[in-house]
Amino acid sequence: MLNFQTLAVGLAIGLGAIGAGLAMGLSNGKAYEALGRNPEAANAIRPNFLLGLVFAETIAVYSLLIAMLLLLH
């Protein structure tokens, strides 16, 4: 029988992964759109784009950490 702890773990990691995936997909699309419009600005766009990807990835890492804490507690 499925208890609420395993349900919470599944929701934590699932929703965190969905959020991170959407954030990274949208930021990729907008960055490539900006590069397509203005290729000369690649050196200015790239660092901000990578920093945004790092922040989006932390959503997935934090949700994994929360899921592990829920599972092991």
C-alpha atoms as a PDB file:
ATOM      1  CA  MET A   1       0.000   0.000   0.000  1.00  0.00           C
ATOM      2  CA  LEU A   2       1.252   3.440  -0.907  1.00  0.00           C
ATOM      3  CA  ASN A   3       1.715   5.674   2.095  1.00  0.00           C
ATOM      4  CA  PHE A   4       1.781   9.449   2.118  1.00  0.00           C
ATOM      5  CA  GLN A   5       5.535   9.669   2.634  1.00  0.00           C
ATOM      6  CA  THR A   6       6.335   7.969  -0.669  1.00  0.00           C
ATOM      7  CA  LEU A   7       3.658  10.046  -2.376  1.00  0.00           C
ATOM      8  CA  ALA A   8       5.281  13.217  -1.019  1.00  0.00           C
ATOM      9  CA  VAL A   9       8.697  12.049  -2.222  1.00  0.00           C
ATOM     10  CA  GLY A  10       7.350  11.379  -5.702  1.00  0.00           C
ATOM     11  CA  LEU A  11       5.613  14.728  -5.873  1.00  0.00           C
ATOM     12  CA  ALA A  12       8.667  16.600  -4.602  1.00  0.00           C
ATOM     13  CA  ILE A  13      11.045  15.173  -7.174  1.00  0.00           C
ATOM     14  CA  GLY A  14       8.483  15.152  -9.989  1.00  0.00           C
ATOM     15  CA  LEU A  15       7.331  18.733  -9.608  1.00  0.00           C
ATOM     16  CA  GLY A  16      10.890  19.913  -9.069  1.00  0.00           C
ATOM     17  CA  ALA A  17      12.024  18.225 -12.268  1.00  0.00           C
ATOM     18  CA  ILE A  18       9.091  19.646 -14.220  1.00  0.00           C
ATOM     19  CA  GLY A  19       9.835  23.140 -12.942  1.00  0.00           C
ATOM     20  CA  ALA A  20      13.518  22.897 -13.761  1.00  0.00           C
ATOM     21  CA  GLY A  21      12.824  21.470 -17.205  1.00  0.00           C
ATOM     22  CA  LEU A  22      10.375  24.217 -18.072  1.00  0.00           C
ATOM     23  CA  ALA A  23      12.707  26.929 -16.801  1.00  0.00           C
ATOM     24  CA  MET A  24      15.662  25.599 -18.776  1.00  0.00           C
ATOM     25  CA  GLY A  25      13.603  25.104 -21.914  1.00  0.00           C
ATOM     26  CA  LEU A  26      12.203  28.615 -21.833  1.00  0.00           C
ATOM     27  CA  SER A  27      15.589  30.177 -21.124  1.00  0.00           C
ATOM     28  CA  ASN A  28      17.207  28.184 -23.955  1.00  0.00           C
ATOM     29  CA  GLY A  29      14.534  29.342 -26.363  1.00  0.00           C
ATOM     30  CA  LYS A  30      14.855  32.998 -25.415  1.00  0.00           C
ATOM     31  CA  ALA A  31      18.662  32.917 -25.480  1.00  0.00           C
ATOM     32  CA  TYR A  32      18.753  31.398 -28.958  1.00  0.00           C
ATOM     33  CA  GLU A  33      16.105  33.841 -30.106  1.00  0.00           C
ATOM     34  CA  ALA A  34      18.259  36.726 -28.847  1.00  0.00           C
ATOM     35  CA  LEU A  35      21.350  35.257 -30.517  1.00  0.00           C
ATOM     36  CA  GLY A  36      19.435  34.866 -33.764  1.00  0.00           C
ATOM     37  CA  ARG A  37      18.413  38.510 -33.728  1.00  0.00           C
ATOM     38  CA  ASN A  38      21.805  39.851 -32.651  1.00  0.00           C
ATOM     39  CA  PRO A  39      24.700  37.402 -33.145  1.00  0.00           C
ATOM     40  CA  GLU A  40      27.291  40.041 -32.235  1.00  0.00           C
ATOM     41  CA  ALA A  41      25.972  40.119 -28.659  1.00  0.00           C
ATOM     42  CA  ALA A  42      26.899  36.481 -28.013  1.00  0.00           C
ATOM     43  CA  ASN A  43      29.656  37.414 -25.557  1.00  0.00           C
ATOM     44  CA  ALA A  44      27.195  39.487 -23.519  1.00  0.00           C
ATOM     45  CA  ILE A  45      24.322  36.988 -23.652  1.00  0.00           C
ATOM     46  CA  ARG A  46      26.228  33.779 -22.888  1.00  0.00           C
ATOM     47  CA  PRO A  47      27.283  34.488 -19.247  1.00  0.00           C
ATOM     48  CA  ASN A  48      23.796  35.620 -18.267  1.00  0.00           C
ATOM     49  CA  PHE A  49      22.296  32.606 -20.007  1.00  0.00           C
ATOM     50  CA  LEU A  50      24.604  30.170 -18.200  1.00  0.00           C
ATOM     51  CA  LEU A  51      23.912  31.826 -14.855  1.00  0.00           C
ATOM     52  CA  GLY A  52      20.186  31.444 -15.491  1.00  0.00           C
ATOM     53  CA  LEU A  53      20.668  27.760 -16.283  1.00  0.00           C
ATOM     54  CA  VAL A  54      22.554  27.276 -13.024  1.00  0.00           C
ATOM     55  CA  PHE A  55      19.716  28.857 -11.059  1.00  0.00           C
ATOM     56  CA  ALA A  56      17.164  26.702 -12.881  1.00  0.00           C
ATOM     57  CA  GLU A  57      19.172  23.557 -12.173  1.00  0.00           C
ATOM     58  CA  THR A  58      19.267  24.324  -8.458  1.00  0.00           C
ATOM     59  CA  ILE A  59      15.496  23.835  -8.421  1.00  0.00           C
ATOM     60  CA  ALA A  60      15.999  20.204  -9.414  1.00  0.00           C
ATOM     61  CA  VAL A  61      18.859  19.705  -6.958  1.00  0.00           C
ATOM     62  CA  TYR A  62      16.874  21.180  -4.063  1.00  0.00           C
ATOM     63  CA  SER A  63      13.842  19.055  -4.905  1.00  0.00           C
ATOM     64  CA  LEU A  64      16.061  15.956  -4.943  1.00  0.00           C
ATOM     65  CA  LEU A  65      17.489  16.956  -1.563  1.00  0.00           C
ATOM     66  CA  ILE A  66      14.005  17.471  -0.121  1.00  0.00           C
ATOM     67  CA  ALA A  67      12.871  14.124  -1.519  1.00  0.00           C
ATOM     68  CA  MET A  68      15.834  12.357   0.072  1.00  0.00           C
ATOM     69  CA  LEU A  69      15.183  14.051   3.404  1.00  0.00           C
ATOM     70  CA  LEU A  70      11.527  13.024   3.258  1.00  0.00           C
ATOM     71  CA  LEU A  71      12.420   9.463   2.365  1.00  0.00           C
ATOM     72  CA  LEU A  72      15.108   8.992   4.999  1.00  0.00           C
ATOM     73  CA  HIS A  73      13.427  10.801   7.877  1.00  0.00           C
END
